[in-house]
N, C-alpha and C. Protein backbone atom coordinates (compact mmCIF):
# COMPACT_ATOMS: atom_id res chain seq x y z
N UNK A 1 0.84 -1.17 0.00
CA UNK A 1 0.00 0.00 0.00
C UNK A 1 0.89 1.24 0.00
N UNK A 2 0.58 2.18 -0.87
CA UNK A 2 1.32 3.42 -0.98
C UNK A 2 0.55 4.52 -0.27
N UNK A 3 1.25 5.27 0.57
CA UNK A 3 0.63 6.41 1.25
C UNK A 3 1.55 7.61 1.08
N UNK A 4 0.95 8.74 0.69
CA UNK A 4 1.69 9.99 0.60
C UNK A 4 0.99 11.02 1.47
N UNK A 5 1.77 11.87 2.13
CA UNK A 5 1.16 13.01 2.79
C UNK A 5 1.11 14.14 1.75
N UNK A 6 0.52 15.25 2.11
CA UNK A 6 0.36 16.33 1.14
C UNK A 6 1.70 16.89 0.68
N UNK A 7 2.67 16.93 1.58
CA UNK A 7 3.99 17.44 1.21
C UNK A 7 4.65 16.53 0.17
N UNK A 8 4.58 15.23 0.39
CA UNK A 8 5.17 14.27 -0.56
C UNK A 8 4.45 14.33 -1.91
N UNK A 9 3.12 14.38 -1.87
CA UNK A 9 2.36 14.47 -3.11
C UNK A 9 2.69 15.76 -3.85
N UNK A 10 2.85 16.85 -3.12
CA UNK A 10 3.22 18.11 -3.74
C UNK A 10 4.58 18.05 -4.39
N UNK A 11 5.56 17.47 -3.69
CA UNK A 11 6.91 17.34 -4.23
C UNK A 11 6.94 16.46 -5.47
N UNK A 12 6.32 15.28 -5.36
CA UNK A 12 6.31 14.35 -6.49
C UNK A 12 5.53 14.91 -7.68
N UNK A 13 4.43 15.58 -7.42
CA UNK A 13 3.64 16.12 -8.53
C UNK A 13 4.41 17.25 -9.23
N UNK A 14 5.18 18.03 -8.49
CA UNK A 14 6.01 19.07 -9.12
C UNK A 14 7.10 18.44 -9.98
N UNK A 15 7.67 17.35 -9.49
CA UNK A 15 8.70 16.63 -10.25
C UNK A 15 8.13 16.09 -11.56
N UNK A 16 6.94 15.49 -11.49
CA UNK A 16 6.29 14.96 -12.69
C UNK A 16 5.88 16.10 -13.63
N UNK A 17 5.41 17.21 -13.07
CA UNK A 17 5.04 18.37 -13.90
C UNK A 17 6.25 18.87 -14.67
N UNK A 18 7.40 18.95 -14.01
CA UNK A 18 8.62 19.37 -14.69
C UNK A 18 9.02 18.39 -15.78
N UNK A 19 8.83 17.10 -15.51
CA UNK A 19 9.15 16.07 -16.50
C UNK A 19 8.24 16.17 -17.71
N UNK A 20 6.96 16.38 -17.48
CA UNK A 20 6.01 16.45 -18.60
C UNK A 20 6.20 17.72 -19.43
N UNK A 21 6.46 18.83 -18.77
CA UNK A 21 6.59 20.09 -19.51
C UNK A 21 8.00 20.32 -20.02
N UNK A 22 8.97 19.62 -19.48
CA UNK A 22 10.36 19.78 -19.91
C UNK A 22 10.67 18.96 -21.15
N UNK A 23 11.27 17.79 -20.95
CA UNK A 23 11.72 16.99 -22.09
C UNK A 23 10.59 16.49 -23.00
N UNK A 24 9.38 16.40 -22.46
CA UNK A 24 8.28 15.87 -23.27
C UNK A 24 7.41 16.97 -23.84
N UNK A 25 7.80 18.18 -23.58
CA UNK A 25 7.24 19.42 -24.17
C UNK A 25 5.71 19.49 -24.22
N UNK A 26 5.06 19.04 -23.15
CA UNK A 26 3.62 19.26 -23.05
C UNK A 26 3.41 20.65 -22.48
N UNK A 27 2.56 21.42 -23.11
CA UNK A 27 2.34 22.80 -22.70
C UNK A 27 0.88 23.00 -22.32
N UNK A 28 0.61 24.15 -21.70
CA UNK A 28 -0.75 24.52 -21.33
C UNK A 28 -1.67 24.38 -22.55
N UNK A 29 -2.78 23.67 -22.38
CA UNK A 29 -3.73 23.49 -23.47
C UNK A 29 -3.53 22.21 -24.26
N UNK A 30 -2.36 21.57 -24.14
CA UNK A 30 -2.16 20.28 -24.81
C UNK A 30 -3.04 19.24 -24.15
N UNK A 31 -3.35 18.20 -24.88
CA UNK A 31 -4.25 17.16 -24.37
C UNK A 31 -3.49 15.87 -24.08
N UNK A 32 -3.93 15.19 -23.04
CA UNK A 32 -3.30 13.97 -22.56
C UNK A 32 -4.40 12.93 -22.33
N UNK A 33 -4.39 11.87 -23.13
CA UNK A 33 -5.36 10.79 -22.96
C UNK A 33 -4.78 9.81 -21.93
N UNK A 34 -5.46 9.69 -20.80
CA UNK A 34 -4.98 8.88 -19.70
C UNK A 34 -5.93 7.71 -19.46
N UNK A 35 -5.46 6.51 -19.74
CA UNK A 35 -6.27 5.31 -19.57
C UNK A 35 -5.60 4.45 -18.49
N UNK A 36 -6.01 4.68 -17.26
CA UNK A 36 -5.42 3.99 -16.12
C UNK A 36 -6.50 3.41 -15.22
N UNK A 37 -6.21 2.27 -14.59
CA UNK A 37 -7.14 1.76 -13.58
C UNK A 37 -6.97 2.58 -12.29
N UNK A 38 -7.59 2.13 -11.24
CA UNK A 38 -7.49 2.84 -9.95
C UNK A 38 -6.17 2.47 -9.27
N UNK A 39 -5.14 3.21 -9.62
CA UNK A 39 -3.82 2.99 -9.03
C UNK A 39 -3.31 4.33 -8.48
N UNK A 40 -2.40 4.31 -7.51
CA UNK A 40 -1.91 5.57 -6.93
C UNK A 40 -1.26 6.50 -7.95
N UNK A 41 -0.62 5.95 -8.96
CA UNK A 41 0.04 6.77 -9.97
C UNK A 41 -0.93 7.67 -10.72
N UNK A 42 -2.22 7.32 -10.69
CA UNK A 42 -3.22 8.17 -11.32
C UNK A 42 -3.13 9.58 -10.75
N UNK A 43 -2.96 9.67 -9.43
CA UNK A 43 -2.85 10.98 -8.78
C UNK A 43 -1.54 11.66 -9.15
N UNK A 44 -0.46 10.89 -9.27
CA UNK A 44 0.83 11.47 -9.62
C UNK A 44 0.88 11.94 -11.06
N UNK A 45 -0.10 11.62 -11.85
CA UNK A 45 -0.18 12.11 -13.22
C UNK A 45 -1.29 13.16 -13.38
N UNK A 46 -2.34 13.04 -12.62
CA UNK A 46 -3.45 14.00 -12.70
C UNK A 46 -3.09 15.36 -12.12
N UNK A 47 -2.54 15.38 -10.93
CA UNK A 47 -2.20 16.64 -10.27
C UNK A 47 -1.19 17.45 -11.10
N UNK A 48 -0.12 16.83 -11.62
CA UNK A 48 0.82 17.61 -12.45
C UNK A 48 0.18 18.17 -13.72
N UNK A 49 -0.74 17.44 -14.30
CA UNK A 49 -1.43 17.97 -15.48
C UNK A 49 -2.23 19.21 -15.11
N UNK A 50 -2.88 19.18 -13.95
CA UNK A 50 -3.62 20.36 -13.49
C UNK A 50 -2.67 21.52 -13.22
N UNK A 51 -1.51 21.22 -12.67
CA UNK A 51 -0.51 22.27 -12.37
C UNK A 51 -0.02 22.96 -13.64
N UNK A 52 0.19 22.18 -14.70
CA UNK A 52 0.78 22.73 -15.92
C UNK A 52 -0.26 23.19 -16.93
N UNK A 53 -1.53 22.91 -16.68
CA UNK A 53 -2.56 23.32 -17.62
C UNK A 53 -2.79 22.35 -18.75
N UNK A 54 -2.23 21.15 -18.63
CA UNK A 54 -2.46 20.11 -19.64
C UNK A 54 -3.86 19.55 -19.41
N UNK A 55 -4.61 19.38 -20.48
CA UNK A 55 -5.99 18.91 -20.39
C UNK A 55 -6.00 17.39 -20.30
N UNK A 56 -6.60 16.88 -19.25
CA UNK A 56 -6.66 15.44 -19.02
C UNK A 56 -7.92 14.89 -19.68
N UNK A 57 -7.74 13.85 -20.47
CA UNK A 57 -8.87 13.15 -21.06
C UNK A 57 -8.86 11.74 -20.47
N UNK A 58 -9.70 11.48 -19.47
CA UNK A 58 -9.68 10.15 -18.86
C UNK A 58 -10.38 9.13 -19.75
N UNK A 59 -9.92 7.91 -19.65
CA UNK A 59 -10.54 6.82 -20.40
C UNK A 59 -10.60 5.57 -19.55
N UNK A 60 -11.60 4.77 -19.77
CA UNK A 60 -11.74 3.52 -19.04
C UNK A 60 -10.77 2.48 -19.60
N UNK A 61 -10.39 1.55 -18.77
CA UNK A 61 -9.48 0.49 -19.21
C UNK A 61 -10.18 -0.51 -20.12
N UNK A 62 -11.45 -0.33 -20.37
CA UNK A 62 -12.19 -1.22 -21.26
C UNK A 62 -12.16 -0.75 -22.71
N UNK A 63 -11.44 0.33 -23.00
CA UNK A 63 -11.38 0.84 -24.38
C UNK A 63 -10.68 -0.16 -25.29
N UNK A 64 -11.18 -0.27 -26.50
CA UNK A 64 -10.53 -1.11 -27.52
C UNK A 64 -9.55 -0.25 -28.30
N UNK A 65 -8.78 -0.88 -29.16
CA UNK A 65 -7.82 -0.15 -30.00
C UNK A 65 -8.55 0.89 -30.85
N UNK A 66 -9.69 0.52 -31.40
CA UNK A 66 -10.46 1.45 -32.23
C UNK A 66 -10.99 2.63 -31.41
N UNK A 67 -11.45 2.35 -30.19
CA UNK A 67 -11.91 3.42 -29.29
C UNK A 67 -10.78 4.40 -28.99
N UNK A 68 -9.61 3.86 -28.72
CA UNK A 68 -8.44 4.69 -28.42
C UNK A 68 -8.09 5.55 -29.62
N UNK A 69 -8.09 4.95 -30.79
CA UNK A 69 -7.77 5.69 -32.02
C UNK A 69 -8.77 6.83 -32.24
N UNK A 70 -10.04 6.55 -32.09
CA UNK A 70 -11.07 7.59 -32.28
C UNK A 70 -10.88 8.74 -31.29
N UNK A 71 -10.60 8.42 -30.04
CA UNK A 71 -10.41 9.46 -29.02
C UNK A 71 -9.15 10.28 -29.29
N UNK A 72 -8.08 9.62 -29.72
CA UNK A 72 -6.85 10.34 -30.03
C UNK A 72 -7.03 11.27 -31.23
N UNK A 73 -7.72 10.80 -32.25
CA UNK A 73 -7.93 11.63 -33.44
C UNK A 73 -8.86 12.80 -33.14
N UNK A 74 -9.93 12.54 -32.39
CA UNK A 74 -10.89 13.61 -32.09
C UNK A 74 -10.29 14.66 -31.16
N UNK A 75 -9.46 14.23 -30.23
CA UNK A 75 -8.92 15.16 -29.23
C UNK A 75 -7.60 15.80 -29.65
N UNK A 76 -6.93 15.19 -30.62
CA UNK A 76 -5.58 15.63 -31.03
C UNK A 76 -4.62 15.58 -29.85
N UNK A 77 -4.75 14.54 -29.04
CA UNK A 77 -3.91 14.38 -27.85
C UNK A 77 -2.46 14.16 -28.26
N UNK A 78 -1.56 14.81 -27.52
CA UNK A 78 -0.13 14.67 -27.78
C UNK A 78 0.50 13.58 -26.93
N UNK A 79 -0.19 13.16 -25.88
CA UNK A 79 0.37 12.20 -24.94
C UNK A 79 -0.67 11.13 -24.62
N UNK A 80 -0.20 9.90 -24.47
CA UNK A 80 -1.07 8.79 -24.09
C UNK A 80 -0.41 8.09 -22.91
N UNK A 81 -1.15 7.91 -21.84
CA UNK A 81 -0.62 7.27 -20.63
C UNK A 81 -1.50 6.08 -20.30
N UNK A 82 -0.87 4.91 -20.10
CA UNK A 82 -1.64 3.71 -19.80
C UNK A 82 -0.77 2.70 -19.06
N UNK A 83 -1.32 1.51 -18.85
CA UNK A 83 -0.60 0.41 -18.22
C UNK A 83 -0.15 -0.57 -19.30
N UNK A 84 0.69 -1.52 -18.90
CA UNK A 84 1.27 -2.44 -19.88
C UNK A 84 0.25 -3.31 -20.61
N UNK A 85 -0.86 -3.59 -19.98
CA UNK A 85 -1.88 -4.44 -20.61
C UNK A 85 -2.52 -3.75 -21.82
N UNK A 86 -2.66 -2.42 -21.77
CA UNK A 86 -3.31 -1.69 -22.85
C UNK A 86 -2.34 -1.12 -23.89
N UNK A 87 -1.06 -1.22 -23.63
CA UNK A 87 -0.07 -0.67 -24.57
C UNK A 87 -0.17 -1.29 -25.97
N UNK A 88 -0.38 -2.59 -26.11
CA UNK A 88 -0.50 -3.15 -27.47
C UNK A 88 -1.67 -2.57 -28.26
N UNK A 89 -2.75 -2.21 -27.58
CA UNK A 89 -3.89 -1.61 -28.27
C UNK A 89 -3.49 -0.30 -28.92
N UNK A 90 -2.73 0.53 -28.21
CA UNK A 90 -2.28 1.78 -28.80
C UNK A 90 -1.26 1.53 -29.90
N UNK A 91 -0.34 0.61 -29.67
CA UNK A 91 0.68 0.32 -30.68
C UNK A 91 0.06 -0.08 -32.01
N UNK A 92 -1.07 -0.76 -31.97
CA UNK A 92 -1.71 -1.21 -33.21
C UNK A 92 -2.33 -0.07 -34.01
N UNK A 93 -2.59 1.08 -33.38
CA UNK A 93 -3.23 2.20 -34.09
C UNK A 93 -2.40 3.49 -34.07
N UNK A 94 -1.25 3.47 -33.42
CA UNK A 94 -0.45 4.70 -33.24
C UNK A 94 -0.07 5.36 -34.56
N UNK A 95 0.14 4.59 -35.60
CA UNK A 95 0.55 5.16 -36.89
C UNK A 95 -0.54 6.05 -37.50
N UNK A 96 -1.78 5.87 -37.11
CA UNK A 96 -2.89 6.68 -37.62
C UNK A 96 -3.05 8.00 -36.86
N UNK A 97 -2.37 8.12 -35.74
CA UNK A 97 -2.55 9.27 -34.84
C UNK A 97 -1.37 10.22 -34.99
N UNK A 98 -1.48 11.16 -35.91
CA UNK A 98 -0.35 12.02 -36.26
C UNK A 98 0.02 13.02 -35.16
N UNK A 99 -0.88 13.33 -34.26
CA UNK A 99 -0.59 14.31 -33.20
C UNK A 99 0.13 13.69 -32.00
N UNK A 100 0.06 12.38 -31.87
CA UNK A 100 0.63 11.68 -30.72
C UNK A 100 2.15 11.78 -30.73
N UNK A 101 2.71 12.33 -29.65
CA UNK A 101 4.17 12.51 -29.55
C UNK A 101 4.78 11.65 -28.45
N UNK A 102 4.06 11.46 -27.35
CA UNK A 102 4.62 10.79 -26.19
C UNK A 102 3.73 9.63 -25.76
N UNK A 103 4.35 8.48 -25.53
CA UNK A 103 3.66 7.31 -25.00
C UNK A 103 4.31 6.96 -23.67
N UNK A 104 3.52 7.01 -22.62
CA UNK A 104 4.03 6.79 -21.27
C UNK A 104 3.33 5.59 -20.66
N UNK A 105 4.12 4.65 -20.14
CA UNK A 105 3.55 3.44 -19.56
C UNK A 105 3.82 3.42 -18.06
N UNK A 106 2.80 3.03 -17.30
CA UNK A 106 2.93 2.89 -15.85
C UNK A 106 3.04 1.39 -15.59
N UNK A 107 4.28 0.94 -15.45
CA UNK A 107 4.53 -0.49 -15.34
C UNK A 107 5.92 -0.72 -14.76
N UNK A 108 6.14 -1.90 -14.23
CA UNK A 108 7.48 -2.25 -13.76
C UNK A 108 8.34 -2.74 -14.91
N UNK A 109 7.71 -3.17 -15.99
CA UNK A 109 8.46 -3.60 -17.17
C UNK A 109 8.52 -2.46 -18.18
N UNK A 110 9.37 -2.60 -19.18
CA UNK A 110 9.49 -1.55 -20.19
C UNK A 110 9.07 -2.09 -21.55
N UNK A 111 8.77 -1.16 -22.45
CA UNK A 111 8.37 -1.50 -23.82
C UNK A 111 9.16 -0.61 -24.77
N UNK A 112 9.42 -1.14 -25.95
CA UNK A 112 10.11 -0.37 -26.98
C UNK A 112 9.23 0.80 -27.40
N UNK A 113 9.83 1.96 -27.57
CA UNK A 113 9.17 3.20 -28.00
C UNK A 113 8.23 3.79 -26.95
N UNK A 114 8.29 3.31 -25.73
CA UNK A 114 7.47 3.83 -24.64
C UNK A 114 8.38 4.36 -23.54
N UNK A 115 7.99 5.43 -22.90
CA UNK A 115 8.68 5.93 -21.72
C UNK A 115 8.06 5.26 -20.50
N UNK A 116 8.90 4.82 -19.57
CA UNK A 116 8.41 4.17 -18.37
C UNK A 116 8.30 5.20 -17.25
N UNK A 117 7.12 5.34 -16.70
CA UNK A 117 6.87 6.35 -15.68
C UNK A 117 7.78 6.19 -14.47
N UNK A 118 7.96 4.97 -13.99
CA UNK A 118 8.78 4.77 -12.79
C UNK A 118 10.25 5.10 -13.06
N UNK A 119 10.72 4.91 -14.29
CA UNK A 119 12.10 5.28 -14.64
C UNK A 119 12.29 6.79 -14.65
N UNK A 120 11.23 7.53 -14.95
CA UNK A 120 11.32 8.99 -15.04
C UNK A 120 11.27 9.66 -13.67
N UNK A 121 10.76 8.95 -12.67
CA UNK A 121 10.73 9.52 -11.32
C UNK A 121 12.08 9.36 -10.73
């Protein structure tokens, strides 16, 4: 079980905000499609997006590859954040999504062409 106090959450969220707006060049008004289950990292990605002005587009983990593609095209999202189970769904349609710049995975394992969230912390 992970527990953070407000000070820790504030520190970690600032670190993630710097990571998202720095090397991954997400700016105020950019869109981020976030498809995560109920895990603590959801907060470590949501709060920084609010801090930087990145628009969060939440999605259920029940989305199919076609659902993901439609949402990415309609929203023009620059970033997609998910878990390792859903990464293949995005990989199958990523070539159709010209606005997508960053793929971030919340997992203990890594994937080719994906940034690992735990490695960036």
